[in-house]
Amino acid sequence: MRKHSLISLAVCCATFGAFAHASWTLDNDSSTLSFISTKNEHISEIHQFTKLSGQLSDSGQLKAAVHLSSVETNIPIRNERMQTYLFDVKSTPEAVITAQIPKSVMEMSPGTTEMVTLDSEITIKGKSAAYKVALSVSKDQDGNFHGTTVEPVLIKAASHDLDPGVAKLQELAGLKSIGLTVPMTFSVTFTQ
């Protein structure tokens, strides 16, 4: 009888612990990440990555991954060239974004929104750089978090050793120039 009681207590503790230490998972179907490239000085195009993943812990630790092979420029040969020469997806298949979400955001009441600027780190091809990311964060009635950039994040090619890849893309496409600073925006949903 005592053994049965101890097992029941252990199950109850484990169940309580699961609820006390909640985490959220990035919902790829409800999330988007876009960036703009500029070629020949005046021609800008919008592209996106179609596969994102990530986790948000109850303590506010955020880690999200951009699957670089999912780059979509609407031109198949350009997708392939970016995967090969710019991102080298065979060696580094993901770009990683990490940040600490403030306690005030994690404790938001359902149905509320808060503006926040995060100190984030973005790693591409093994090269990390710090970025300020301004977001509008809301929490819905189901306890899910939604975050949307309120201004573009300017990704600098030089910060991630992407310059040689950009030069190669420029050569292959026969372009006069490709911009070395890329504005990025995203809207992500994290569900429990």
C-alpha atoms as a PDB file:
ATOM      1  CA  MET A   1       0.000   0.000   0.000  1.00  0.00           C
ATOM      2  CA  ARG A   2       2.800   2.400   0.921  1.00  0.00           C
ATOM      3  CA  LYS A   3       4.567   1.635  -2.373  1.00  0.00           C
ATOM      4  CA  HIS A   4       1.376   2.462  -4.286  1.00  0.00           C
ATOM      5  CA  SER A   5       1.063   5.782  -2.407  1.00  0.00           C
ATOM      6  CA  LEU A   6       4.675   6.693  -3.201  1.00  0.00           C
ATOM      7  CA  ILE A   7       4.141   5.949  -6.875  1.00  0.00           C
ATOM      8  CA  SER A   8       0.980   8.095  -6.902  1.00  0.00           C
ATOM      9  CA  LEU A   9       2.855  10.929  -5.197  1.00  0.00           C
ATOM     10  CA  ALA A  10       5.678  10.699  -7.740  1.00  0.00           C
ATOM     11  CA  VAL A  11       3.201  10.823 -10.642  1.00  0.00           C
ATOM     12  CA  CYS A  12       1.453  13.848  -9.126  1.00  0.00           C
ATOM     13  CA  CYS A  13       4.775  15.646  -8.618  1.00  0.00           C
ATOM     14  CA  ALA A  14       5.856  14.908 -12.164  1.00  0.00           C
ATOM     15  CA  THR A  15       2.524  16.163 -13.520  1.00  0.00           C
ATOM     16  CA  PHE A  16       2.712  19.359 -11.441  1.00  0.00           C
ATOM     17  CA  GLY A  17       6.316  19.866 -12.559  1.00  0.00           C
ATOM     18  CA  ALA A  18       5.302  19.631 -16.207  1.00  0.00           C
ATOM     19  CA  PHE A  19       2.769  22.422 -15.719  1.00  0.00           C
ATOM     20  CA  ALA A  20       5.059  24.522 -13.534  1.00  0.00           C
ATOM     21  CA  HIS A  21       7.837  24.406 -16.135  1.00  0.00           C
ATOM     22  CA  ALA A  22       5.910  25.171 -19.287  1.00  0.00           C
ATOM     23  CA  SER A  23       7.545  25.772 -22.624  1.00  0.00           C
ATOM     24  CA  TRP A  24       6.352  27.015 -25.976  1.00  0.00           C
ATOM     25  CA  THR A  25       7.198  25.733 -29.447  1.00  0.00           C
ATOM     26  CA  LEU A  26       7.427  27.847 -32.585  1.00  0.00           C
ATOM     27  CA  ASP A  27       4.484  27.113 -34.889  1.00  0.00           C
ATOM     28  CA  ASN A  28       5.987  27.157 -38.389  1.00  0.00           C
ATOM     29  CA  ASP A  29       2.579  27.282 -40.109  1.00  0.00           C
ATOM     30  CA  SER A  30       1.717  30.528 -38.275  1.00  0.00           C
ATOM     31  CA  SER A  31       5.151  32.136 -38.612  1.00  0.00           C
ATOM     32  CA  THR A  32       6.997  34.002 -41.365  1.00  0.00           C
ATOM     33  CA  LEU A  33      10.478  35.422 -41.885  1.00  0.00           C
ATOM     34  CA  SER A  34      11.203  37.686 -44.858  1.00  0.00           C
ATOM     35  CA  PHE A  35      14.215  39.607 -46.097  1.00  0.00           C
ATOM     36  CA  ILE A  36      14.921  42.088 -48.880  1.00  0.00           C
ATOM     37  CA  SER A  37      17.859  41.906 -51.269  1.00  0.00           C
ATOM     38  CA  THR A  38      18.923  44.787 -53.500  1.00  0.00           C
ATOM     39  CA  LYS A  39      20.785  44.312 -56.750  1.00  0.00           C
ATOM     40  CA  ASN A  40      22.214  46.823 -59.236  1.00  0.00           C
ATOM     41  CA  GLU A  41      21.614  49.558 -56.617  1.00  0.00           C
ATOM     42  CA  HIS A  42      17.907  50.103 -57.283  1.00  0.00           C
ATOM     43  CA  ILE A  43      16.210  46.709 -57.725  1.00  0.00           C
ATOM     44  CA  SER A  44      14.878  45.275 -54.457  1.00  0.00           C
ATOM     45  CA  GLU A  45      13.113  41.934 -54.057  1.00  0.00           C
ATOM     46  CA  ILE A  46      11.363  40.253 -51.127  1.00  0.00           C
ATOM     47  CA  HIS A  47      12.360  36.693 -50.217  1.00  0.00           C
ATOM     48  CA  GLN A  48      11.525  34.376 -47.341  1.00  0.00           C
ATOM     49  CA  PHE A  49      12.494  31.279 -45.428  1.00  0.00           C
ATOM     50  CA  THR A  50       9.667  28.757 -45.254  1.00  0.00           C
ATOM     51  CA  LYS A  51      10.918  26.566 -42.406  1.00  0.00           C
ATOM     52  CA  LEU A  52      11.474  27.903 -38.891  1.00  0.00           C
ATOM     53  CA  SER A  53      11.665  26.116 -35.553  1.00  0.00           C
ATOM     54  CA  GLY A  54      12.306  27.097 -31.977  1.00  0.00           C
ATOM     55  CA  GLN A  55      11.615  26.898 -28.263  1.00  0.00           C
ATOM     56  CA  LEU A  56      10.712  29.424 -25.569  1.00  0.00           C
ATOM     57  CA  SER A  57      11.208  28.325 -21.963  1.00  0.00           C
ATOM     58  CA  ASP A  58       9.118  29.483 -19.011  1.00  0.00           C
ATOM     59  CA  SER A  59      12.147  31.477 -17.841  1.00  0.00           C
ATOM     60  CA  GLY A  60      12.150  33.417 -21.142  1.00  0.00           C
ATOM     61  CA  GLN A  61      15.071  31.759 -22.882  1.00  0.00           C
ATOM     62  CA  LEU A  62      14.424  31.907 -26.615  1.00  0.00           C
ATOM     63  CA  LYS A  63      16.206  29.865 -29.254  1.00  0.00           C
ATOM     64  CA  ALA A  64      14.937  29.823 -32.825  1.00  0.00           C
ATOM     65  CA  ALA A  65      16.397  28.296 -35.969  1.00  0.00           C
ATOM     66  CA  VAL A  66      16.031  29.362 -39.582  1.00  0.00           C
ATOM     67  CA  HIS A  67      16.456  26.361 -41.881  1.00  0.00           C
ATOM     68  CA  LEU A  68      18.604  27.908 -44.605  1.00  0.00           C
ATOM     69  CA  SER A  69      17.741  25.316 -47.253  1.00  0.00           C
ATOM     70  CA  SER A  70      14.163  26.637 -47.112  1.00  0.00           C
ATOM     71  CA  VAL A  71      15.141  29.961 -48.712  1.00  0.00           C
ATOM     72  CA  GLU A  72      12.506  30.933 -51.286  1.00  0.00           C
ATOM     73  CA  THR A  73      13.281  33.643 -53.843  1.00  0.00           C
ATOM     74  CA  ASN A  74      10.772  32.410 -56.457  1.00  0.00           C
ATOM     75  CA  ILE A  75      13.676  31.568 -58.792  1.00  0.00           C
ATOM     76  CA  PRO A  76      14.856  27.945 -58.331  1.00  0.00           C
ATOM     77  CA  ILE A  77      18.416  28.476 -59.608  1.00  0.00           C
ATOM     78  CA  ARG A  78      18.810  31.468 -57.283  1.00  0.00           C
ATOM     79  CA  ASN A  79      17.572  29.371 -54.352  1.00  0.00           C
ATOM     80  CA  GLU A  80      20.191  26.732 -55.173  1.00  0.00           C
ATOM     81  CA  ARG A  81      22.986  29.273 -55.531  1.00  0.00           C
ATOM     82  CA  MET A  82      22.141  30.916 -52.225  1.00  0.00           C
ATOM     83  CA  GLN A  83      22.037  27.533 -50.492  1.00  0.00           C
ATOM     84  CA  THR A  84      25.415  26.559 -51.963  1.00  0.00           C
ATOM     85  CA  TYR A  85      27.497  29.737 -52.240  1.00  0.00           C
ATOM     86  CA  LEU A  86      26.005  32.066 -49.658  1.00  0.00           C
ATOM     87  CA  PHE A  87      24.828  29.857 -46.796  1.00  0.00           C
ATOM     88  CA  ASP A  88      26.763  26.606 -47.457  1.00  0.00           C
ATOM     89  CA  VAL A  89      23.815  24.611 -46.109  1.00  0.00           C
ATOM     90  CA  LYS A  90      25.735  21.327 -46.175  1.00  0.00           C
ATOM     91  CA  SER A  91      28.098  22.634 -43.470  1.00  0.00           C
ATOM     92  CA  THR A  92      25.757  25.037 -41.667  1.00  0.00           C
ATOM     93  CA  PRO A  93      22.122  24.121 -42.286  1.00  0.00           C
ATOM     94  CA  GLU A  94      20.653  26.603 -39.786  1.00  0.00           C
ATOM     95  CA  ALA A  95      20.940  30.201 -38.685  1.00  0.00           C
ATOM     96  CA  VAL A  96      20.226  30.542 -34.962  1.00  0.00           C
ATOM     97  CA  ILE A  97      18.620  33.411 -33.053  1.00  0.00           C
ATOM     98  CA  THR A  98      18.864  33.545 -29.261  1.00  0.00           C
ATOM     99  CA  ALA A  99      17.481  36.083 -26.789  1.00  0.00           C
ATOM    100  CA  GLN A 100      16.271  36.463 -23.220  1.00  0.00           C
ATOM    101  CA  ILE A 101      12.610  37.497 -23.071  1.00  0.00           C
ATOM    102  CA  PRO A 102      11.920  39.899 -20.169  1.00  0.00           C
ATOM    103  CA  LYS A 103      10.016  38.613 -17.152  1.00  0.00           C
ATOM    104  CA  SER A 104       7.308  41.246 -17.719  1.00  0.00           C
ATOM    105  CA  VAL A 105       6.573  39.701 -21.126  1.00  0.00           C
ATOM    106  CA  MET A 106       6.548  36.138 -19.836  1.00  0.00           C
ATOM    107  CA  GLU A 107       4.049  37.161 -17.139  1.00  0.00           C
ATOM    108  CA  MET A 108       1.714  39.059 -19.484  1.00  0.00           C
ATOM    109  CA  SER A 109      -2.000  38.533 -18.983  1.00  0.00           C
ATOM    110  CA  PRO A 110      -3.881  36.880 -21.853  1.00  0.00           C
ATOM    111  CA  GLY A 111      -5.255  39.444 -24.289  1.00  0.00           C
ATOM    112  CA  THR A 112      -2.482  41.993 -23.718  1.00  0.00           C
ATOM    113  CA  THR A 113       0.306  43.403 -25.889  1.00  0.00           C
ATOM    114  CA  GLU A 114       3.699  44.839 -24.972  1.00  0.00           C
ATOM    115  CA  MET A 115       6.412  46.598 -26.948  1.00  0.00           C
ATOM    116  CA  VAL A 116       9.922  45.328 -26.196  1.00  0.00           C
ATOM    117  CA  THR A 117      13.441  45.670 -27.579  1.00  0.00           C
ATOM    118  CA  LEU A 118      15.467  42.490 -27.232  1.00  0.00           C
ATOM    119  CA  ASP A 119      19.218  42.119 -27.092  1.00  0.00           C
ATOM    120  CA  SER A 120      19.549  39.204 -29.501  1.00  0.00           C
ATOM    121  CA  GLU A 121      22.353  37.174 -30.976  1.00  0.00           C
ATOM    122  CA  ILE A 122      22.160  35.868 -34.521  1.00  0.00           C
ATOM    123  CA  THR A 123      24.547  33.187 -35.725  1.00  0.00           C
ATOM    124  CA  ILE A 124      24.965  32.480 -39.445  1.00  0.00           C
ATOM    125  CA  LYS A 125      27.703  30.172 -40.775  1.00  0.00           C
ATOM    126  CA  GLY A 126      29.165  29.974 -37.269  1.00  0.00           C
ATOM    127  CA  LYS A 127      29.633  33.755 -37.007  1.00  0.00           C
ATOM    128  CA  SER A 128      27.634  35.491 -34.277  1.00  0.00           C
ATOM    129  CA  ALA A 129      26.672  39.152 -33.981  1.00  0.00           C
ATOM    130  CA  ALA A 130      24.534  41.157 -31.564  1.00  0.00           C
ATOM    131  CA  TYR A 131      21.337  42.822 -32.781  1.00  0.00           C
ATOM    132  CA  LYS A 132      18.603  44.957 -31.201  1.00  0.00           C
ATOM    133  CA  VAL A 133      15.223  43.565 -32.195  1.00  0.00           C
ATOM    134  CA  ALA A 134      12.138  45.749 -31.641  1.00  0.00           C
ATOM    135  CA  LEU A 135       9.001  43.646 -31.246  1.00  0.00           C
ATOM    136  CA  SER A 136       5.321  43.879 -30.532  1.00  0.00           C
ATOM    137  CA  VAL A 137       4.509  40.861 -28.357  1.00  0.00           C
ATOM    138  CA  SER A 138       0.997  39.704 -27.529  1.00  0.00           C
ATOM    139  CA  LYS A 139      -0.390  36.802 -25.542  1.00  0.00           C
ATOM    140  CA  ASP A 140      -3.682  35.273 -26.644  1.00  0.00           C
ATOM    141  CA  GLN A 141      -6.425  33.714 -24.525  1.00  0.00           C
ATOM    142  CA  ASP A 142      -4.868  30.253 -24.982  1.00  0.00           C
ATOM    143  CA  GLY A 143      -1.536  31.431 -23.538  1.00  0.00           C
ATOM    144  CA  ASN A 144       0.265  31.472 -26.892  1.00  0.00           C
ATOM    145  CA  PHE A 145       2.786  34.211 -27.662  1.00  0.00           C
ATOM    146  CA  HIS A 146       2.878  36.205 -30.923  1.00  0.00           C
ATOM    147  CA  GLY A 147       5.871  38.383 -31.771  1.00  0.00           C
ATOM    148  CA  THR A 148       6.176  40.736 -34.746  1.00  0.00           C
ATOM    149  CA  THR A 149       9.034  43.047 -35.646  1.00  0.00           C
ATOM    150  CA  VAL A 150       8.025  46.709 -35.576  1.00  0.00           C
ATOM    151  CA  GLU A 151      11.054  47.743 -37.607  1.00  0.00           C
ATOM    152  CA  PRO A 152      13.397  45.740 -39.860  1.00  0.00           C
ATOM    153  CA  VAL A 153      16.489  44.105 -38.401  1.00  0.00           C
ATOM    154  CA  LEU A 154      19.487  45.075 -40.555  1.00  0.00           C
ATOM    155  CA  ILE A 155      21.650  41.993 -41.126  1.00  0.00           C
ATOM    156  CA  LYS A 156      25.179  42.930 -42.212  1.00  0.00           C
ATOM    157  CA  ALA A 157      26.894  40.393 -44.477  1.00  0.00           C
ATOM    158  CA  ALA A 158      30.334  41.243 -43.075  1.00  0.00           C
ATOM    159  CA  SER A 159      29.224  40.322 -39.533  1.00  0.00           C
ATOM    160  CA  HIS A 160      28.626  36.735 -40.642  1.00  0.00           C
ATOM    161  CA  ASP A 161      31.385  36.255 -43.214  1.00  0.00           C
ATOM    162  CA  LEU A 162      28.832  36.278 -46.029  1.00  0.00           C
ATOM    163  CA  ASP A 163      30.722  38.775 -48.246  1.00  0.00           C
ATOM    164  CA  PRO A 164      32.525  36.110 -50.334  1.00  0.00           C
ATOM    165  CA  GLY A 165      29.228  34.355 -50.995  1.00  0.00           C
ATOM    166  CA  VAL A 166      27.573  37.602 -52.049  1.00  0.00           C
ATOM    167  CA  ALA A 167      30.481  38.283 -54.428  1.00  0.00           C
ATOM    168  CA  LYS A 168      30.062  34.807 -55.936  1.00  0.00           C
ATOM    169  CA  LEU A 169      26.323  35.322 -56.434  1.00  0.00           C
ATOM    170  CA  GLN A 170      27.023  38.668 -58.091  1.00  0.00           C
ATOM    171  CA  GLU A 171      29.513  37.019 -60.448  1.00  0.00           C
ATOM    172  CA  LEU A 172      27.205  34.125 -61.345  1.00  0.00           C
ATOM    173  CA  ALA A 173      24.258  36.428 -62.033  1.00  0.00           C
ATOM    174  CA  GLY A 174      26.342  39.002 -63.920  1.00  0.00           C
ATOM    175  CA  LEU A 175      25.206  41.846 -61.672  1.00  0.00           C
ATOM    176  CA  LYS A 176      26.894  45.208 -61.074  1.00  0.00           C
ATOM    177  CA  SER A 177      26.188  45.000 -57.336  1.00  0.00           C
ATOM    178  CA  ILE A 178      24.345  43.200 -54.530  1.00  0.00           C
ATOM    179  CA  GLY A 179      23.661  45.066 -51.285  1.00  0.00           C
ATOM    180  CA  LEU A 180      25.641  43.907 -48.241  1.00  0.00           C
ATOM    181  CA  THR A 181      23.023  44.962 -45.677  1.00  0.00           C
ATOM    182  CA  VAL A 182      19.754  43.036 -45.717  1.00  0.00           C
ATOM    183  CA  PRO A 183      16.573  44.151 -43.897  1.00  0.00           C
ATOM    184  CA  MET A 184      14.792  41.236 -42.179  1.00  0.00           C
ATOM    185  CA  THR A 185      11.302  41.120 -40.651  1.00  0.00           C
ATOM    186  CA  PHE A 186       9.398  38.314 -39.002  1.00  0.00           C
ATOM    187  CA  SER A 187       6.152  37.370 -37.316  1.00  0.00           C
ATOM    188  CA  VAL A 188       6.269  34.284 -35.104  1.00  0.00           C
ATOM    189  CA  THR A 189       3.842  32.332 -32.953  1.00  0.00           C
ATOM    190  CA  PHE A 190       4.883  30.155 -30.009  1.00  0.00           C
ATOM    191  CA  THR A 191       2.296  27.649 -28.795  1.00  0.00           C
ATOM    192  CA  GLN A 192       2.174  25.529 -25.643  1.00  0.00           C
END
